């Protein structure tokens, strides 16, 4: 049984936008790359499966139910973070060769360069690139409090069920500004129960009201969406998603409906996060907060240094304005940026090369 659709989405159905994302998929194999790319990022060490790992045929891993499926976006501004994230996933995995990476790439981006960069540093990686059509979402995006949040690729996570093949039934979505320090299989194995479409760490101490404008809360037809739900904030940079349930419930269209309402009434300020909260908050499966020690990039305005939340750590997430690679290059790092640095694959002499 899937979670019921909010009554407000029925009531405002005529306001909905129902554009679709189309994937122009390109299967990737490790190939030779130009010396220019090789100089940019060094080749990462290869990590091997432990004896107890299931045996998966390499040619079928991108559709295997035994594989851990990871989806991430790839673009030039964040490629350095993506490379570190991939490296951290592989280094701490008990079955690194059983991980299938699904990379979402802007249709206007340089997919060939991104593919070559990944293949050069990870020649053994099982991955595929999917082209995300920016025009699909651009007309639905409203300006937010930080311009970086308005990038169409930030919204690609809403289209995973459309972009990935139907044989991928479950996926772990990860942002590019994080590193894992624990086995990703433990996170991927999160149980979603009978009703939930996705799982993520919740932060019920956060001021949930602040994620929406007074216009939203003063309109009973809109705020009704959270009735009978114990809605809490969750960060969309780390999510376990049941794609079968997502497709069955047509959740991409529900997110688009709220984005259409936003264009007319300005009900939130924070980019791609609030539509997820509107559709899912209060109905997600819980994940221990150790799997998203988020906010290490500070707030969305100054990006000041922050400490870890209390408790154990399995994933470090530099959400917010400040990114560790930028602060390290500027010689103004925060203390916790030193935990990201060991996963940085950028060659030191390449810092003045391509604009990564």
C-alpha atoms as a PDB file:
ATOM      1  CA  UNK A   1       0.000   0.000   0.000  1.00  0.00           C
ATOM      2  CA  UNK A   2       1.385   3.406  -1.006  1.00  0.00           C
ATOM      3  CA  UNK A   3       0.958   6.612   0.957  1.00  0.00           C
ATOM      4  CA  UNK A   4      -2.234   8.474  -0.001  1.00  0.00           C
ATOM      5  CA  UNK A   5      -1.958  11.584  -2.165  1.00  0.00           C
ATOM      6  CA  UNK A   6      -2.480  14.852  -0.296  1.00  0.00           C
ATOM      7  CA  UNK A   7      -5.975  16.336  -0.781  1.00  0.00           C
ATOM      8  CA  UNK A   8      -4.480  19.638  -1.828  1.00  0.00           C
ATOM      9  CA  UNK A   9      -2.920  18.022  -4.869  1.00  0.00           C
ATOM     10  CA  UNK A  10      -6.345  16.876  -6.022  1.00  0.00           C
ATOM     11  CA  UNK A  11      -7.858  20.258  -5.311  1.00  0.00           C
ATOM     12  CA  UNK A  12      -5.195  22.107  -7.297  1.00  0.00           C
ATOM     13  CA  UNK A  13      -4.812  19.517 -10.033  1.00  0.00           C
ATOM     14  CA  UNK A  14      -5.511  22.032 -12.766  1.00  0.00           C
ATOM     15  CA  UNK A  15      -2.431  24.000 -11.692  1.00  0.00           C
ATOM     16  CA  UNK A  16      -0.137  21.035 -12.215  1.00  0.00           C
ATOM     17  CA  UNK A  17       2.667  20.848 -14.686  1.00  0.00           C
ATOM     18  CA  UNK A  18       3.303  17.359 -15.985  1.00  0.00           C
ATOM     19  CA  UNK A  19       6.423  17.591 -18.058  1.00  0.00           C
ATOM     20  CA  UNK A  20       8.510  14.484 -18.519  1.00  0.00           C
ATOM     21  CA  UNK A  21      12.223  13.810 -18.398  1.00  0.00           C
ATOM     22  CA  UNK A  22      13.708  11.686 -21.119  1.00  0.00           C
ATOM     23  CA  UNK A  23      16.966   9.814 -20.834  1.00  0.00           C
ATOM     24  CA  UNK A  24      19.408   9.474 -23.692  1.00  0.00           C
ATOM     25  CA  UNK A  25      21.402   6.658 -22.160  1.00  0.00           C
ATOM     26  CA  UNK A  26      24.959   5.780 -23.007  1.00  0.00           C
ATOM     27  CA  UNK A  27      26.458   2.520 -21.732  1.00  0.00           C
ATOM     28  CA  UNK A  28      30.026   3.073 -20.608  1.00  0.00           C
ATOM     29  CA  UNK A  29      33.072   0.890 -20.661  1.00  0.00           C
ATOM     30  CA  UNK A  30      36.551   1.809 -19.516  1.00  0.00           C
ATOM     31  CA  UNK A  31      38.486   3.210 -22.472  1.00  0.00           C
ATOM     32  CA  UNK A  32      41.740   5.038 -23.067  1.00  0.00           C
ATOM     33  CA  UNK A  33      41.575   8.744 -22.340  1.00  0.00           C
ATOM     34  CA  UNK A  34      43.674  11.719 -23.357  1.00  0.00           C
ATOM     35  CA  UNK A  35      46.738  12.687 -21.286  1.00  0.00           C
ATOM     36  CA  UNK A  36      45.044  15.974 -20.396  1.00  0.00           C
ATOM     37  CA  UNK A  37      42.355  14.158 -18.430  1.00  0.00           C
ATOM     38  CA  UNK A  38      44.876  11.741 -16.920  1.00  0.00           C
ATOM     39  CA  UNK A  39      46.801  14.675 -15.478  1.00  0.00           C
ATOM     40  CA  UNK A  40      43.669  16.149 -13.963  1.00  0.00           C
ATOM     41  CA  UNK A  41      42.738  13.358 -11.532  1.00  0.00           C
ATOM     42  CA  UNK A  42      44.941  10.483 -10.510  1.00  0.00           C
ATOM     43  CA  UNK A  43      43.864   6.867 -10.848  1.00  0.00           C
ATOM     44  CA  UNK A  44      42.319   5.559  -7.658  1.00  0.00           C
ATOM     45  CA  UNK A  45      43.396   2.341  -6.038  1.00  0.00           C
ATOM     46  CA  UNK A  46      41.272  -0.650  -6.910  1.00  0.00           C
ATOM     47  CA  UNK A  47      39.403  -2.331  -4.082  1.00  0.00           C
ATOM     48  CA  UNK A  48      38.249  -5.951  -4.179  1.00  0.00           C
ATOM     49  CA  UNK A  49      35.263  -7.931  -2.978  1.00  0.00           C
ATOM     50  CA  UNK A  50      35.518  -9.815   0.282  1.00  0.00           C
ATOM     51  CA  UNK A  51      35.032 -13.618   0.093  1.00  0.00           C
ATOM     52  CA  UNK A  52      31.369 -13.518   1.121  1.00  0.00           C
ATOM     53  CA  UNK A  53      30.172 -11.183  -1.644  1.00  0.00           C
ATOM     54  CA  UNK A  54      27.580 -12.462  -4.146  1.00  0.00           C
ATOM     55  CA  UNK A  55      28.935 -13.227  -7.587  1.00  0.00           C
ATOM     56  CA  UNK A  56      27.419 -10.879 -10.182  1.00  0.00           C
ATOM     57  CA  UNK A  57      28.168 -11.068 -13.905  1.00  0.00           C
ATOM     58  CA  UNK A  58      29.715  -7.753 -14.889  1.00  0.00           C
ATOM     59  CA  UNK A  59      27.609  -7.423 -18.025  1.00  0.00           C
ATOM     60  CA  UNK A  60      24.374  -7.638 -16.024  1.00  0.00           C
ATOM     61  CA  UNK A  61      25.280  -5.658 -12.896  1.00  0.00           C
ATOM     62  CA  UNK A  62      23.474  -2.484 -14.034  1.00  0.00           C
ATOM     63  CA  UNK A  63      20.197  -4.403 -13.757  1.00  0.00           C
ATOM     64  CA  UNK A  64      21.024  -6.858 -10.986  1.00  0.00           C
ATOM     65  CA  UNK A  65      18.891  -6.989  -7.836  1.00  0.00           C
ATOM     66  CA  UNK A  66      21.991  -8.184  -5.969  1.00  0.00           C
ATOM     67  CA  UNK A  67      23.941  -5.036  -6.803  1.00  0.00           C
ATOM     68  CA  UNK A  68      23.964  -1.857  -4.731  1.00  0.00           C
ATOM     69  CA  UNK A  69      22.655   0.799  -7.104  1.00  0.00           C
ATOM     70  CA  UNK A  70      23.958   4.328  -6.499  1.00  0.00           C
ATOM     71  CA  UNK A  71      22.688   7.388  -8.364  1.00  0.00           C
ATOM     72  CA  UNK A  72      24.581  10.683  -8.451  1.00  0.00           C
ATOM     73  CA  UNK A  73      24.673  13.771 -10.622  1.00  0.00           C
ATOM     74  CA  UNK A  74      27.825  14.671 -12.540  1.00  0.00           C
ATOM     75  CA  UNK A  75      28.776  18.141 -13.703  1.00  0.00           C
ATOM     76  CA  UNK A  76      31.944  20.137 -14.228  1.00  0.00           C
ATOM     77  CA  UNK A  77      31.633  22.469 -11.196  1.00  0.00           C
ATOM     78  CA  UNK A  78      31.192  19.552  -8.761  1.00  0.00           C
ATOM     79  CA  UNK A  79      33.245  16.827 -10.456  1.00  0.00           C
ATOM     80  CA  UNK A  80      35.982  17.083  -7.828  1.00  0.00           C
ATOM     81  CA  UNK A  81      33.472  16.389  -5.090  1.00  0.00           C
ATOM     82  CA  UNK A  82      31.919  13.544  -7.078  1.00  0.00           C
ATOM     83  CA  UNK A  83      35.294  11.860  -7.555  1.00  0.00           C
ATOM     84  CA  UNK A  84      35.974  12.006  -3.812  1.00  0.00           C
ATOM     85  CA  UNK A  85      32.517  10.638  -3.033  1.00  0.00           C
ATOM     86  CA  UNK A  86      32.942   7.697  -5.420  1.00  0.00           C
ATOM     87  CA  UNK A  87      36.396   6.949  -4.009  1.00  0.00           C
ATOM     88  CA  UNK A  88      35.059   6.937  -0.448  1.00  0.00           C
ATOM     89  CA  UNK A  89      32.202   4.606  -1.371  1.00  0.00           C
ATOM     90  CA  UNK A  90      34.578   2.081  -2.946  1.00  0.00           C
ATOM     91  CA  UNK A  91      37.227   2.284  -0.220  1.00  0.00           C
ATOM     92  CA  UNK A  92      34.829   1.439   2.594  1.00  0.00           C
ATOM     93  CA  UNK A  93      32.680  -1.105   0.756  1.00  0.00           C
ATOM     94  CA  UNK A  94      32.905  -4.805   1.561  1.00  0.00           C
ATOM     95  CA  UNK A  95      31.790  -5.600  -2.023  1.00  0.00           C
ATOM     96  CA  UNK A  96      33.020  -2.692  -4.201  1.00  0.00           C
ATOM     97  CA  UNK A  97      32.710  -4.626  -7.458  1.00  0.00           C
ATOM     98  CA  UNK A  98      29.020  -5.187  -6.705  1.00  0.00           C
ATOM     99  CA  UNK A  99      28.205  -1.475  -6.836  1.00  0.00           C
ATOM    100  CA  UNK A 100      26.543  -0.055  -9.946  1.00  0.00           C
ATOM    101  CA  UNK A 101      26.777   3.699 -10.415  1.00  0.00           C
ATOM    102  CA  UNK A 102      24.108   5.595 -12.352  1.00  0.00           C
ATOM    103  CA  UNK A 103      25.307   9.104 -13.201  1.00  0.00           C
ATOM    104  CA  UNK A 104      22.879  11.825 -14.245  1.00  0.00           C
ATOM    105  CA  UNK A 105      24.455  14.334 -16.632  1.00  0.00           C
ATOM    106  CA  UNK A 106      23.003  17.547 -17.999  1.00  0.00           C
ATOM    107  CA  UNK A 107      22.135  17.274 -21.691  1.00  0.00           C
ATOM    108  CA  UNK A 108      23.997  20.571 -22.152  1.00  0.00           C
ATOM    109  CA  UNK A 109      27.072  19.380 -20.261  1.00  0.00           C
ATOM    110  CA  UNK A 110      30.198  17.745 -21.662  1.00  0.00           C
ATOM    111  CA  UNK A 111      29.244  14.102 -21.159  1.00  0.00           C
ATOM    112  CA  UNK A 112      32.303  12.838 -23.069  1.00  0.00           C
ATOM    113  CA  UNK A 113      34.692  14.698 -20.781  1.00  0.00           C
ATOM    114  CA  UNK A 114      32.876  13.520 -17.661  1.00  0.00           C
ATOM    115  CA  UNK A 115      32.815   9.914 -18.883  1.00  0.00           C
ATOM    116  CA  UNK A 116      36.524  10.032 -19.704  1.00  0.00           C
ATOM    117  CA  UNK A 117      37.350  11.511 -16.304  1.00  0.00           C
ATOM    118  CA  UNK A 118      35.478   8.741 -14.462  1.00  0.00           C
ATOM    119  CA  UNK A 119      36.990   6.004 -16.636  1.00  0.00           C
ATOM    120  CA  UNK A 120      40.504   7.362 -16.164  1.00  0.00           C
ATOM    121  CA  UNK A 121      40.389   7.370 -12.365  1.00  0.00           C
ATOM    122  CA  UNK A 122      38.153   4.300 -11.977  1.00  0.00           C
ATOM    123  CA  UNK A 123      38.875   1.989 -14.948  1.00  0.00           C
ATOM    124  CA  UNK A 124      37.187  -0.922 -13.175  1.00  0.00           C
ATOM    125  CA  UNK A 125      33.984   0.966 -12.237  1.00  0.00           C
ATOM    126  CA  UNK A 126      30.557  -0.332 -13.284  1.00  0.00           C
ATOM    127  CA  UNK A 127      28.673   2.750 -14.419  1.00  0.00           C
ATOM    128  CA  UNK A 128      26.323   4.299 -16.921  1.00  0.00           C
ATOM    129  CA  UNK A 129      25.569   7.884 -17.892  1.00  0.00           C
ATOM    130  CA  UNK A 130      22.029   9.209 -18.343  1.00  0.00           C
ATOM    131  CA  UNK A 131      21.329  12.507 -20.077  1.00  0.00           C
ATOM    132  CA  UNK A 132      18.952  14.754 -18.177  1.00  0.00           C
ATOM    133  CA  UNK A 133      17.108  17.234 -20.367  1.00  0.00           C
ATOM    134  CA  UNK A 134      17.415  20.602 -18.605  1.00  0.00           C
ATOM    135  CA  UNK A 135      14.433  21.992 -20.483  1.00  0.00           C
ATOM    136  CA  UNK A 136      12.247  19.432 -18.747  1.00  0.00           C
ATOM    137  CA  UNK A 137      12.536  21.218 -15.431  1.00  0.00           C
ATOM    138  CA  UNK A 138      13.817  24.720 -16.233  1.00  0.00           C
ATOM    139  CA  UNK A 139      10.367  26.174 -16.778  1.00  0.00           C
ATOM    140  CA  UNK A 140       9.277  24.927 -13.350  1.00  0.00           C
ATOM    141  CA  UNK A 141      12.210  26.269 -11.324  1.00  0.00           C
ATOM    142  CA  UNK A 142      11.629  29.329  -9.164  1.00  0.00           C
ATOM    143  CA  UNK A 143      14.524  31.422  -7.874  1.00  0.00           C
ATOM    144  CA  UNK A 144      15.730  30.461  -4.398  1.00  0.00           C
ATOM    145  CA  UNK A 145      17.874  32.054  -1.698  1.00  0.00           C
ATOM    146  CA  UNK A 146      21.109  30.823  -3.353  1.00  0.00           C
ATOM    147  CA  UNK A 147      21.689  30.704  -7.113  1.00  0.00           C
ATOM    148  CA  UNK A 148      23.549  27.367  -6.936  1.00  0.00           C
ATOM    149  CA  UNK A 149      20.298  25.761  -5.760  1.00  0.00           C
ATOM    150  CA  UNK A 150      18.580  26.802  -9.002  1.00  0.00           C
ATOM    151  CA  UNK A 151      20.732  24.570 -11.236  1.00  0.00           C
ATOM    152  CA  UNK A 152      18.372  22.247 -13.162  1.00  0.00           C
ATOM    153  CA  UNK A 153      20.587  19.248 -12.377  1.00  0.00           C
ATOM    154  CA  UNK A 154      19.721  19.692  -8.681  1.00  0.00           C
ATOM    155  CA  UNK A 155      16.215  18.592  -9.623  1.00  0.00           C
ATOM    156  CA  UNK A 156      17.317  15.457 -11.487  1.00  0.00           C
ATOM    157  CA  UNK A 157      16.797  13.362  -8.346  1.00  0.00           C
ATOM    158  CA  UNK A 158      13.057  13.854  -8.835  1.00  0.00           C
ATOM    159  CA  UNK A 159      13.311  12.063 -12.193  1.00  0.00           C
ATOM    160  CA  UNK A 160      15.270   8.952 -11.233  1.00  0.00           C
ATOM    161  CA  UNK A 161      12.257   6.722 -11.854  1.00  0.00           C
ATOM    162  CA  UNK A 162      11.974   8.110 -15.393  1.00  0.00           C
ATOM    163  CA  UNK A 163      15.677   8.143 -16.212  1.00  0.00           C
ATOM    164  CA  UNK A 164      16.827   4.790 -14.841  1.00  0.00           C
ATOM    165  CA  UNK A 165      15.698   1.565 -16.527  1.00  0.00           C
ATOM    166  CA  UNK A 166      12.730  -0.255 -15.028  1.00  0.00           C
ATOM    167  CA  UNK A 167      15.005  -3.142 -14.022  1.00  0.00           C
ATOM    168  CA  UNK A 168      16.517  -0.856 -11.356  1.00  0.00           C
ATOM    169  CA  UNK A 169      13.955  -1.234  -8.604  1.00  0.00           C
ATOM    170  CA  UNK A 170      15.804   0.330  -5.701  1.00  0.00           C
ATOM    171  CA  UNK A 171      18.476   3.023  -5.671  1.00  0.00           C
ATOM    172  CA  UNK A 172      20.558   4.995  -3.195  1.00  0.00           C
ATOM    173  CA  UNK A 173      20.813   8.662  -4.157  1.00  0.00           C
ATOM    174  CA  UNK A 174      23.912  10.564  -3.005  1.00  0.00           C
ATOM    175  CA  UNK A 175      24.925  14.208  -3.360  1.00  0.00           C
ATOM    176  CA  UNK A 176      28.402  15.073  -4.670  1.00  0.00           C
ATOM    177  CA  UNK A 177      29.590  16.958  -1.576  1.00  0.00           C
ATOM    178  CA  UNK A 178      29.904  14.017   0.799  1.00  0.00           C
ATOM    179  CA  UNK A 179      32.129  11.098   1.718  1.00  0.00           C
ATOM    180  CA  UNK A 180      31.279   7.770   3.297  1.00  0.00           C
ATOM    181  CA  UNK A 181      33.355   6.287   6.085  1.00  0.00           C
ATOM    182  CA  UNK A 182      31.309   3.097   6.429  1.00  0.00           C
ATOM    183  CA  UNK A 183      30.071   0.255   4.217  1.00  0.00           C
ATOM    184  CA  UNK A 184      27.439   1.543   1.787  1.00  0.00           C
ATOM    185  CA  UNK A 185      25.746  -1.870   1.768  1.00  0.00           C
ATOM    186  CA  UNK A 186      24.527  -1.207   5.311  1.00  0.00           C
ATOM    187  CA  UNK A 187      22.754   1.957   4.175  1.00  0.00           C
ATOM    188  CA  UNK A 188      21.428   0.409   0.976  1.00  0.00           C
ATOM    189  CA  UNK A 189      19.862  -2.433   2.983  1.00  0.00           C
ATOM    190  CA  UNK A 190      17.575  -0.014   4.871  1.00  0.00           C
ATOM    191  CA  UNK A 191      14.088  -1.470   5.221  1.00  0.00           C
ATOM    192  CA  UNK A 192      11.302   0.659   3.797  1.00  0.00           C
ATOM    193  CA  UNK A 193       8.430  -1.283   5.343  1.00  0.00           C
ATOM    194  CA  UNK A 194       5.073  -1.770   3.645  1.00  0.00           C
ATOM    195  CA  UNK A 195       4.254   1.858   2.834  1.00  0.00           C
ATOM    196  CA  UNK A 196       7.295   4.089   2.455  1.00  0.00           C
ATOM    197  CA  UNK A 197       8.679   5.139  -0.906  1.00  0.00           C
ATOM    198  CA  UNK A 198      11.949   6.440   0.475  1.00  0.00           C
ATOM    199  CA  UNK A 199      14.125   6.371   3.575  1.00  0.00           C
ATOM    200  CA  UNK A 200      16.365   9.119   4.948  1.00  0.00           C
ATOM    201  CA  UNK A 201      17.604  10.419   8.301  1.00  0.00           C
ATOM    202  CA  UNK A 202      15.004  12.718   9.886  1.00  0.00           C
ATOM    203  CA  UNK A 203      15.718  15.788  12.025  1.00  0.00           C
ATOM    204  CA  UNK A 204      12.574  16.484  14.016  1.00  0.00           C
ATOM    205  CA  UNK A 205      14.289  19.119  16.168  1.00  0.00           C
ATOM    206  CA  UNK A 206      14.668  21.374  13.131  1.00  0.00           C
ATOM    207  CA  UNK A 207      12.173  24.226  12.736  1.00  0.00           C
ATOM    208  CA  UNK A 208       9.977  22.640  10.072  1.00  0.00           C
ATOM    209  CA  UNK A 209       7.758  25.723   9.801  1.00  0.00           C
ATOM    210  CA  UNK A 210      10.723  27.767   8.526  1.00  0.00           C
ATOM    211  CA  UNK A 211      10.982  25.721   5.349  1.00  0.00           C
ATOM    212  CA  UNK A 212       7.790  27.317   4.027  1.00  0.00           C
ATOM    213  CA  UNK A 213       6.592  30.894   3.714  1.00  0.00           C
ATOM    214  CA  UNK A 214       3.790  32.561   5.690  1.00  0.00           C
ATOM    215  CA  UNK A 215       1.772  32.408   2.462  1.00  0.00           C
ATOM    216  CA  UNK A 216       1.838  28.630   2.705  1.00  0.00           C
ATOM    217  CA  UNK A 217       0.971  28.352   6.401  1.00  0.00           C
ATOM    218  CA  UNK A 218      -1.783  30.967   6.232  1.00  0.00           C
ATOM    219  CA  UNK A 219      -3.591  29.112   3.466  1.00  0.00           C
ATOM    220  CA  UNK A 220      -5.542  26.210   5.013  1.00  0.00           C
ATOM    221  CA  UNK A 221      -5.894  24.471   1.660  1.00  0.00           C
ATOM    222  CA  UNK A 222      -2.114  24.322   1.315  1.00  0.00           C
ATOM    223  CA  UNK A 223      -1.098  23.600   4.899  1.00  0.00           C
ATOM    224  CA  UNK A 224      -3.708  20.832   4.962  1.00  0.00           C
ATOM    225  CA  UNK A 225      -1.172  18.672   3.177  1.00  0.00           C
ATOM    226  CA  UNK A 226       0.581  18.045   6.512  1.00  0.00           C
ATOM    227  CA  UNK A 227      -2.562  17.118   8.416  1.00  0.00           C
ATOM    228  CA  UNK A 228      -2.357  13.676  10.017  1.00  0.00           C
ATOM    229  CA  UNK A 229       1.394  13.581   9.353  1.00  0.00           C
ATOM    230  CA  UNK A 230       4.223  13.987  11.838  1.00  0.00           C
ATOM    231  CA  UNK A 231       6.266  15.953   9.336  1.00  0.00           C
ATOM    232  CA  UNK A 232       9.981  16.385  10.037  1.00  0.00           C
ATOM    233  CA  UNK A 233      12.814  17.869   8.012  1.00  0.00           C
ATOM    234  CA  UNK A 234      15.007  15.456   6.079  1.00  0.00           C
ATOM    235  CA  UNK A 235      17.941  16.156   3.779  1.00  0.00           C
ATOM    236  CA  UNK A 236      17.497  14.937   0.189  1.00  0.00           C
ATOM    237  CA  UNK A 237      21.233  14.458  -0.371  1.00  0.00           C
ATOM    238  CA  UNK A 238      21.084  10.913   1.041  1.00  0.00           C
ATOM    239  CA  UNK A 239      18.003   8.847   0.206  1.00  0.00           C
ATOM    240  CA  UNK A 240      17.154   5.178  -0.280  1.00  0.00           C
ATOM    241  CA  UNK A 241      14.357   5.054  -2.857  1.00  0.00           C
ATOM    242  CA  UNK A 242      12.025   2.247  -3.926  1.00  0.00           C
ATOM    243  CA  UNK A 243      11.675   3.085  -7.619  1.00  0.00           C
ATOM    244  CA  UNK A 244       8.858   0.579  -8.155  1.00  0.00           C
ATOM    245  CA  UNK A 245       6.728   2.352  -5.545  1.00  0.00           C
ATOM    246  CA  UNK A 246       7.778   5.754  -6.890  1.00  0.00           C
ATOM    247  CA  UNK A 247       6.668   4.806 -10.395  1.00  0.00           C
ATOM    248  CA  UNK A 248       3.429   3.267  -9.177  1.00  0.00           C
ATOM    249  CA  UNK A 249       2.573   6.378  -7.170  1.00  0.00           C
ATOM    250  CA  UNK A 250       3.663   8.783  -9.938  1.00  0.00           C
ATOM    251  CA  UNK A 251       5.585  10.859  -7.402  1.00  0.00           C
ATOM    252  CA  UNK A 252       7.513  12.849  -9.995  1.00  0.00           C
ATOM    253  CA  UNK A 253       4.251  14.431 -11.144  1.00  0.00           C
ATOM    254  CA  UNK A 254       3.279  15.197  -7.530  1.00  0.00           C
ATOM    255  CA  UNK A 255       6.557  17.047  -7.040  1.00  0.00           C
ATOM    256  CA  UNK A 256       5.970  18.940 -10.275  1.00  0.00           C
ATOM    257  CA  UNK A 257       2.498  19.930  -9.093  1.00  0.00           C
ATOM    258  CA  UNK A 258       3.932  21.619  -6.028  1.00  0.00           C
ATOM    259  CA  UNK A 259       6.555  23.366  -8.160  1.00  0.00           C
ATOM    260  CA  UNK A 260       3.754  24.717 -10.316  1.00  0.00           C
ATOM    261  CA  UNK A 261       1.957  26.054  -7.247  1.00  0.00           C
ATOM    262  CA  UNK A 262       5.221  27.627  -6.065  1.00  0.00           C
ATOM    263  CA  UNK A 263       5.453  29.650  -9.268  1.00  0.00           C
ATOM    264  CA  UNK A 264       2.061  31.186  -8.550  1.00  0.00           C
ATOM    265  CA  UNK A 265       2.127  31.652  -4.783  1.00  0.00           C
ATOM    266  CA  UNK A 266       5.772  31.593  -3.527  1.00  0.00           C
ATOM    267  CA  UNK A 267       5.313  29.011  -0.798  1.00  0.00           C
ATOM    268  CA  UNK A 268       9.012  28.215  -0.137  1.00  0.00           C
ATOM    269  CA  UNK A 269      12.545  29.570  -0.681  1.00  0.00           C
ATOM    270  CA  UNK A 270      14.894  26.569  -0.784  1.00  0.00           C
ATOM    271  CA  UNK A 271      15.080  25.090  -4.276  1.00  0.00           C
ATOM    272  CA  UNK A 272      14.492  21.349  -4.749  1.00  0.00           C
ATOM    273  CA  UNK A 273      14.105  20.409  -1.051  1.00  0.00           C
ATOM    274  CA  UNK A 274      10.624  21.751  -0.154  1.00  0.00           C
ATOM    275  CA  UNK A 275       8.726  19.799  -2.842  1.00  0.00           C
ATOM    276  CA  UNK A 276      10.184  16.601  -1.378  1.00  0.00           C
ATOM    277  CA  UNK A 277       9.070  17.666   2.090  1.00  0.00           C
ATOM    278  CA  UNK A 278       5.586  18.482   0.816  1.00  0.00           C
ATOM    279  CA  UNK A 279       5.172  15.066  -0.774  1.00  0.00           C
ATOM    280  CA  UNK A 280       7.060  12.806   1.654  1.00  0.00           C
ATOM    281  CA  UNK A 281       7.681  14.410   5.074  1.00  0.00           C
ATOM    282  CA  UNK A 282       6.090  12.313   7.792  1.00  0.00           C
ATOM    283  CA  UNK A 283       5.835   9.255   5.560  1.00  0.00           C
ATOM    284  CA  UNK A 284       9.445   8.177   5.130  1.00  0.00           C
ATOM    285  CA  UNK A 285      11.240   5.213   6.660  1.00  0.00           C
ATOM    286  CA  UNK A 286      13.763   6.240   9.340  1.00  0.00           C
ATOM    287  CA  UNK A 287      17.516   6.017   8.894  1.00  0.00           C
ATOM    288  CA  UNK A 288      20.029   6.535  11.680  1.00  0.00           C
ATOM    289  CA  UNK A 289      21.408  10.076  11.598  1.00  0.00           C
ATOM    290  CA  UNK A 290      24.951   8.717  11.438  1.00  0.00           C
ATOM    291  CA  UNK A 291      24.278   8.263   7.704  1.00  0.00           C
ATOM    292  CA  UNK A 292      23.973  11.987   7.051  1.00  0.00           C
ATOM    293  CA  UNK A 293      26.128  14.231   9.201  1.00  0.00           C
ATOM    294  CA  UNK A 294      24.961  17.143   7.086  1.00  0.00           C
ATOM    295  CA  UNK A 295      25.433  20.903   7.222  1.00  0.00           C
ATOM    296  CA  UNK A 296      29.254  20.801   7.239  1.00  0.00           C
ATOM    297  CA  UNK A 297      29.243  23.424   4.489  1.00  0.00           C
ATOM    298  CA  UNK A 298      27.587  25.910   6.811  1.00  0.00           C
ATOM    299  CA  UNK A 299      24.455  27.849   5.951  1.00  0.00           C
ATOM    300  CA  UNK A 300      23.310  29.020   2.516  1.00  0.00           C
ATOM    301  CA  UNK A 301      24.675  32.560   2.954  1.00  0.00           C
ATOM    302  CA  UNK A 302      28.150  32.542   4.544  1.00  0.00           C
ATOM    303  CA  UNK A 303      29.167  28.874   4.626  1.00  0.00           C
ATOM    304  CA  UNK A 304      30.775  29.184   8.048  1.00  0.00           C
ATOM    305  CA  UNK A 305      32.466  26.272   9.799  1.00  0.00           C
ATOM    306  CA  UNK A 306      30.313  23.859  11.747  1.00  0.00           C
ATOM    307  CA  UNK A 307      30.880  20.968  14.111  1.00  0.00           C
ATOM    308  CA  UNK A 308      29.578  17.439  13.819  1.00  0.00           C
ATOM    309  CA  UNK A 309      26.231  16.564  15.305  1.00  0.00           C
ATOM    310  CA  UNK A 310      26.514  14.430  18.464  1.00  0.00           C
ATOM    311  CA  UNK A 311      26.801  10.708  17.890  1.00  0.00           C
ATOM    312  CA  UNK A 312      28.568   8.248  15.576  1.00  0.00           C
ATOM    313  CA  UNK A 313      29.450   9.050  11.956  1.00  0.00           C
ATOM    314  CA  UNK A 314      29.080   6.921   8.820  1.00  0.00           C
ATOM    315  CA  UNK A 315      28.694   9.708   6.238  1.00  0.00           C
ATOM    316  CA  UNK A 316      30.008  13.292   6.206  1.00  0.00           C
ATOM    317  CA  UNK A 317      28.003  15.775   4.121  1.00  0.00           C
ATOM    318  CA  UNK A 318      29.158  19.299   3.258  1.00  0.00           C
ATOM    319  CA  UNK A 319      25.683  20.594   2.453  1.00  0.00           C
ATOM    320  CA  UNK A 320      25.468  24.375   2.553  1.00  0.00           C
ATOM    321  CA  UNK A 321      27.442  27.073   0.761  1.00  0.00           C
ATOM    322  CA  UNK A 322      30.977  26.080   1.803  1.00  0.00           C
ATOM    323  CA  UNK A 323      32.602  23.171  -0.054  1.00  0.00           C
ATOM    324  CA  UNK A 324      35.762  21.538   1.313  1.00  0.00           C
ATOM    325  CA  UNK A 325      37.731  21.625  -1.941  1.00  0.00           C
ATOM    326  CA  UNK A 326      37.090  25.351  -2.380  1.00  0.00           C
ATOM    327  CA  UNK A 327      38.071  26.168   1.193  1.00  0.00           C
ATOM    328  CA  UNK A 328      41.212  24.018   0.985  1.00  0.00           C
ATOM    329  CA  UNK A 329      42.287  25.689  -2.266  1.00  0.00           C
ATOM    330  CA  UNK A 330      41.680  29.105  -0.732  1.00  0.00           C
ATOM    331  CA  UNK A 331      43.890  28.135   2.250  1.00  0.00           C
ATOM    332  CA  UNK A 332      40.947  28.831   4.565  1.00  0.00           C
ATOM    333  CA  UNK A 333      39.765  25.335   5.506  1.00  0.00           C
ATOM    334  CA  UNK A 334      37.430  24.463   8.314  1.00  0.00           C
ATOM    335  CA  UNK A 335      38.720  21.828  10.774  1.00  0.00           C
ATOM    336  CA  UNK A 336      36.431  19.096   9.413  1.00  0.00           C
ATOM    337  CA  UNK A 337      37.575  19.689   5.819  1.00  0.00           C
ATOM    338  CA  UNK A 338      40.648  17.661   6.760  1.00  0.00           C
ATOM    339  CA  UNK A 339      38.364  14.604   6.823  1.00  0.00           C
ATOM    340  CA  UNK A 340      37.471  15.149   3.147  1.00  0.00           C
ATOM    341  CA  UNK A 341      41.025  15.792   1.921  1.00  0.00           C
ATOM    342  CA  UNK A 342      42.242  12.135   1.928  1.00  0.00           C
ATOM    343  CA  UNK A 343      39.615  11.288  -0.717  1.00  0.00           C
ATOM    344  CA  UNK A 344      40.579  14.140  -3.059  1.00  0.00           C
ATOM    345  CA  UNK A 345      41.917  12.680  -6.321  1.00  0.00           C
ATOM    346  CA  UNK A 346      42.883  15.962  -7.964  1.00  0.00           C
ATOM    347  CA  UNK A 347      46.529  16.017  -9.019  1.00  0.00           C
ATOM    348  CA  UNK A 348      48.334  18.842  -7.240  1.00  0.00           C
ATOM    349  CA  UNK A 349      49.928  20.149 -10.428  1.00  0.00           C
ATOM    350  CA  UNK A 350      46.510  20.215 -12.121  1.00  0.00           C
ATOM    351  CA  UNK A 351      45.043  22.911  -9.891  1.00  0.00           C
ATOM    352  CA  UNK A 352      45.711  25.518 -12.590  1.00  0.00           C
ATOM    353  CA  UNK A 353      44.552  23.305 -15.447  1.00  0.00           C
ATOM    354  CA  UNK A 354      40.997  22.695 -16.577  1.00  0.00           C
ATOM    355  CA  UNK A 355      38.323  24.647 -14.730  1.00  0.00           C
ATOM    356  CA  UNK A 356      37.303  21.935 -12.284  1.00  0.00           C
END
